[in-house]
């Protein structure tokens, strides 16, 4: 499962009685391209070989992993205002834009992630990936989560609350657009099914601000499979 950086620096010249002896002051720290803004439980951040307990306000860089334990939740804010909420039992890695690339990407190793994506500017790209699938957007609100183990992988769910998401997999010939109010099951993480409205998605907790209530999503994805019994999802 694979896997925004806006840099601001202020250079200040120190005053001196002799211009020849003027020295540049150290540059101010770069503004974080991403940071953890809300944490529930013992969330961990892994940066290179260093693993630490996460703190609210902590900056995140490209390649950092965020791991959320059982009963936990973590909300990440990107520089453009995009918010990502990691559910309990999740592991997630960020790739942020650089001067040479306008791609913002999240790699979900396991668990689930809610994404509320700010409008993506022309030439830029935002997506959430797993080892086998990609959900790409231009400004929307959606949810990606692993489902039950399957014969040749693990099922994936993609559900869209607002906007639309283009979903593709290693085995799909072209992307499938999933509109607002619908979701899809990706069987074994590879086989796309028809977008449909699923009753279980009404249980999803899209809130990302503690002022609006609980952040934790307690949706039992087993109910998603119960929902399938009453629908033709081929």
Protein backbone atom coordinates (compact mmCIF):
# COMPACT_ATOMS: atom_id res chain seq x y z
CA UNK A 1 0.00 0.00 0.00
CA UNK A 2 1.71 3.02 -1.33
CA UNK A 3 1.72 5.60 -0.79
CA UNK A 4 1.24 19.16 0.14
CA UNK A 5 4.05 21.12 0.84
CA UNK A 6 3.83 24.92 0.85
CA UNK A 7 7.09 26.37 2.08
CA UNK A 8 7.39 29.82 3.50
CA UNK A 9 10.69 31.27 4.59
CA UNK A 10 11.61 34.71 5.83
CA UNK A 11 15.18 35.84 5.51
CA UNK A 12 16.17 38.67 7.79
CA UNK A 13 19.39 40.63 7.52
CA UNK A 14 20.94 41.39 10.89
CA UNK A 15 21.82 45.10 11.24
CA UNK A 16 25.49 45.92 11.63
CA UNK A 17 27.61 49.03 11.99
CA UNK A 18 29.68 47.81 9.08
CA UNK A 19 27.87 46.65 5.96
CA UNK A 20 30.70 44.28 5.13
CA UNK A 21 30.11 42.41 8.37
CA UNK A 22 26.38 41.96 7.86
CA UNK A 23 25.28 38.36 8.30
CA UNK A 24 22.10 36.64 7.31
CA UNK A 25 19.95 35.46 10.17
CA UNK A 26 18.82 31.82 10.12
CA UNK A 27 15.74 31.21 8.01
CA UNK A 28 12.47 30.83 9.86
CA UNK A 29 11.11 27.29 9.91
CA UNK A 30 9.10 26.29 6.87
CA UNK A 31 5.35 26.23 7.31
CA UNK A 32 4.13 22.67 7.69
CA UNK A 33 2.54 21.11 4.63
CA UNK A 34 0.48 18.90 6.91
CA UNK A 35 -0.14 18.61 10.64
CA UNK A 36 -2.10 16.56 13.11
CA UNK A 37 -4.90 18.73 14.47
CA UNK A 38 -6.97 16.26 16.50
CA UNK A 39 -5.93 13.03 18.23
CA UNK A 40 -7.91 10.42 20.15
CA UNK A 41 -5.94 7.59 21.75
CA UNK A 42 -2.26 6.66 21.56
CA UNK A 43 -1.61 7.63 17.95
CA UNK A 44 1.98 7.13 16.70
CA UNK A 45 4.01 8.91 14.03
CA UNK A 46 6.86 7.12 12.32
CA UNK A 47 9.37 9.40 10.55
CA UNK A 48 12.22 7.40 9.06
CA UNK A 49 13.54 5.13 11.80
CA UNK A 50 12.04 7.24 14.58
CA UNK A 51 8.66 6.36 16.08
CA UNK A 52 7.05 8.73 18.59
CA UNK A 53 3.74 9.36 20.28
CA UNK A 54 1.77 11.88 18.23
CA UNK A 55 0.87 15.34 19.54
CA UNK A 56 -1.79 17.74 18.36
CA UNK A 57 -0.20 20.39 16.16
CA UNK A 58 2.65 18.08 15.16
CA UNK A 59 3.85 18.66 11.57
CA UNK A 60 3.99 15.79 9.10
CA UNK A 61 6.30 15.41 6.12
CA UNK A 62 6.36 13.24 3.02
CA UNK A 63 7.00 9.63 3.96
CA UNK A 64 5.71 9.91 7.53
CA UNK A 65 3.46 7.10 8.71
CA UNK A 66 0.56 7.69 11.11
CA UNK A 67 -0.72 4.65 13.01
CA UNK A 68 -4.03 4.78 14.90
CA UNK A 69 -4.77 2.14 17.56
CA UNK A 70 -8.04 0.46 18.46
CA UNK A 71 -10.45 3.06 19.81
CA UNK A 72 -8.37 5.88 18.35
CA UNK A 73 -8.83 8.58 15.71
CA UNK A 74 -6.51 11.10 14.07
CA UNK A 75 -7.33 14.14 11.93
CA UNK A 76 -4.69 15.56 9.57
CA UNK A 77 -4.97 19.03 8.05
CA UNK A 78 -3.14 19.83 4.81
CA UNK A 79 -1.91 23.27 3.79
CA UNK A 80 -4.79 23.83 1.36
CA UNK A 81 -7.44 23.09 4.01
CA UNK A 82 -8.00 19.46 3.08
CA UNK A 83 -8.79 17.27 6.11
CA UNK A 84 -8.14 13.55 6.48
CA UNK A 85 -9.60 11.51 9.33
CA UNK A 86 -8.02 8.14 10.10
CA UNK A 87 -10.27 5.63 11.81
CA UNK A 88 -9.32 3.16 14.52
CA UNK A 89 -6.84 0.43 13.56
CA UNK A 90 -5.44 2.38 10.60
CA UNK A 91 -2.00 2.99 9.14
CA UNK A 92 -1.49 5.83 6.64
CA UNK A 93 1.39 7.50 4.81
CA UNK A 94 1.51 10.95 3.20
CA UNK A 95 3.19 12.15 0.03
CA UNK A 96 3.13 15.94 -0.24
CA UNK A 97 3.72 18.25 -3.25
CA UNK A 98 7.17 19.50 -4.14
CA UNK A 99 8.45 22.13 -6.55
CA UNK A 100 8.57 19.50 -9.25
CA UNK A 101 5.31 17.72 -8.50
CA UNK A 102 1.82 18.90 -7.57
CA UNK A 103 0.67 15.46 -6.44
CA UNK A 104 -0.76 14.97 -2.97
CA UNK A 105 -1.26 11.32 -2.15
CA UNK A 106 -2.19 9.18 0.82
CA UNK A 107 -1.32 5.49 1.11
CA UNK A 108 -3.70 3.44 3.25
CA UNK A 109 -1.97 0.31 4.52
CA UNK A 110 -4.92 -0.90 6.59
CA UNK A 111 -8.00 0.55 8.29
CA UNK A 112 -10.01 3.46 6.90
CA UNK A 113 -9.76 7.15 6.02
CA UNK A 114 -12.30 9.92 5.50
CA UNK A 115 -11.17 12.67 3.12
CA UNK A 116 -12.67 16.16 2.83
CA UNK A 117 -10.71 17.54 -0.09
CA UNK A 118 -10.38 21.25 -0.86
CA UNK A 119 -10.79 22.21 -4.50
CA UNK A 120 -7.78 20.92 -6.42
CA UNK A 121 -6.13 23.56 -8.60
CA UNK A 122 -5.49 23.02 -12.30
CA UNK A 123 -2.46 20.81 -12.83
CA UNK A 124 -2.60 19.40 -9.31
CA UNK A 125 -3.73 15.95 -8.21
CA UNK A 126 -5.09 14.38 -5.01
CA UNK A 127 -5.62 10.69 -4.44
CA UNK A 128 -5.92 7.99 -1.81
CA UNK A 129 -4.17 4.74 -2.66
CA UNK A 130 -3.91 1.19 -1.46
CA UNK A 131 -1.59 -1.47 -2.83
CA UNK A 132 -4.12 -2.32 -5.53
CA UNK A 133 -6.45 0.66 -6.02
CA UNK A 134 -6.52 4.46 -6.48
CA UNK A 135 -9.33 6.92 -5.67
CA UNK A 136 -8.62 10.27 -7.39
CA UNK A 137 -10.58 13.48 -6.85
CA UNK A 138 -10.76 17.20 -7.65
CA UNK A 139 -12.63 18.37 -4.54
CA UNK A 140 -15.02 16.13 -2.68
CA UNK A 141 -15.77 14.19 0.51
CA UNK A 142 -15.30 10.43 0.50
CA UNK A 143 -14.37 7.37 2.56
CA UNK A 144 -12.00 4.49 1.79
CA UNK A 145 -11.72 1.41 4.01
CA UNK A 146 -10.59 -2.18 3.94
CA UNK A 147 -13.30 -4.81 4.20
CA UNK A 148 -13.14 -8.53 4.73
CA UNK A 149 -10.24 -10.71 3.59
CA UNK A 150 -10.89 -12.33 0.22
CA UNK A 151 -9.32 -15.21 -1.69
CA UNK A 152 -6.63 -13.11 -3.39
CA UNK A 153 -6.46 -9.99 -1.23
CA UNK A 154 -8.70 -7.84 0.89
CA UNK A 155 -11.97 -6.16 -0.13
CA UNK A 156 -12.10 -2.38 -0.34
CA UNK A 157 -14.99 0.03 0.05
CA UNK A 158 -15.15 3.53 -1.46
CA UNK A 159 -18.13 5.70 -0.48
CA UNK A 160 -18.76 9.26 -1.69
CA UNK A 161 -20.59 11.86 0.39
CA UNK A 162 -20.09 14.90 -1.85
CA UNK A 163 -18.68 15.41 -5.34
CA UNK A 164 -17.37 12.42 -7.28
CA UNK A 165 -14.41 10.06 -7.12
CA UNK A 166 -12.68 8.23 -9.99
CA UNK A 167 -11.65 4.75 -8.85
CA UNK A 168 -9.24 2.46 -10.65
CA UNK A 169 -7.38 -0.73 -9.78
CA UNK A 170 -4.43 -2.68 -11.14
CA UNK A 171 -6.82 -4.88 -13.08
CA UNK A 172 -9.27 -2.22 -14.35
CA UNK A 173 -8.91 -0.91 -17.92
CA UNK A 174 -10.30 2.50 -17.01
CA UNK A 175 -11.43 4.49 -13.98
CA UNK A 176 -14.96 4.15 -12.67
CA UNK A 177 -16.67 7.35 -11.50
CA UNK A 178 -18.53 7.06 -8.21
CA UNK A 179 -21.03 9.93 -7.64
CA UNK A 180 -22.23 11.48 -4.40
CA UNK A 181 -24.50 9.29 -2.31
CA UNK A 182 -23.14 6.05 -3.69
CA UNK A 183 -20.41 3.56 -2.93
CA UNK A 184 -18.66 0.60 -4.47
CA UNK A 185 -17.20 -2.65 -3.27
CA UNK A 186 -13.83 -3.52 -4.80
CA UNK A 187 -13.67 -7.28 -4.46
CA UNK A 188 -10.22 -8.51 -3.42
CA UNK A 189 -9.08 -4.91 -3.92
CA UNK A 190 -9.13 -5.43 -7.69
CA UNK A 191 -12.60 -6.04 -9.15
CA UNK A 192 -14.82 -2.97 -9.40
CA UNK A 193 -18.56 -3.35 -8.86
CA UNK A 194 -21.40 -1.05 -9.89
CA UNK A 195 -21.83 2.13 -7.78
CA UNK A 196 -24.91 1.88 -5.60
CA UNK A 197 -26.58 3.58 -2.65
CA UNK A 198 -25.95 1.44 0.44
CA UNK A 199 -27.98 1.72 3.60
CA UNK A 200 -24.98 1.09 5.88
CA UNK A 201 -23.21 4.24 4.69
CA UNK A 202 -25.77 6.32 6.59
CA UNK A 203 -23.95 5.23 9.77
CA UNK A 204 -20.63 6.83 8.71
CA UNK A 205 -19.42 9.69 10.90
CA UNK A 206 -18.12 12.41 8.57
CA UNK A 207 -17.42 14.90 11.39
CA UNK A 208 -13.81 16.13 11.64
CA UNK A 209 -14.22 18.87 14.26
CA UNK A 210 -14.63 18.05 17.99
CA UNK A 211 -16.88 21.11 18.29
CA UNK A 212 -19.36 19.28 16.11
CA UNK A 213 -19.43 16.17 18.29
CA UNK A 214 -17.53 12.91 18.44
CA UNK A 215 -14.80 12.31 15.87
CA UNK A 216 -14.84 8.55 16.19
CA UNK A 217 -16.48 6.45 13.51
CA UNK A 218 -17.87 3.22 14.93
CA UNK A 219 -19.39 1.84 11.73
CA UNK A 220 -19.21 -1.96 11.63
CA UNK A 221 -18.28 -2.86 8.07
CA UNK A 222 -19.81 -6.30 8.54
CA UNK A 223 -23.12 -4.49 8.08
CA UNK A 224 -21.95 -3.55 4.58
CA UNK A 225 -21.92 -7.23 3.65
CA UNK A 226 -25.37 -7.74 5.15
CA UNK A 227 -26.54 -4.90 2.93
CA UNK A 228 -25.14 -6.73 -0.11
CA UNK A 229 -27.47 -9.68 0.44
CA UNK A 230 -30.41 -7.56 -0.68
CA UNK A 231 -28.68 -6.05 -3.73
CA UNK A 232 -27.25 -7.11 -7.03
CA UNK A 233 -23.67 -5.84 -6.70
CA UNK A 234 -22.05 -7.60 -9.65
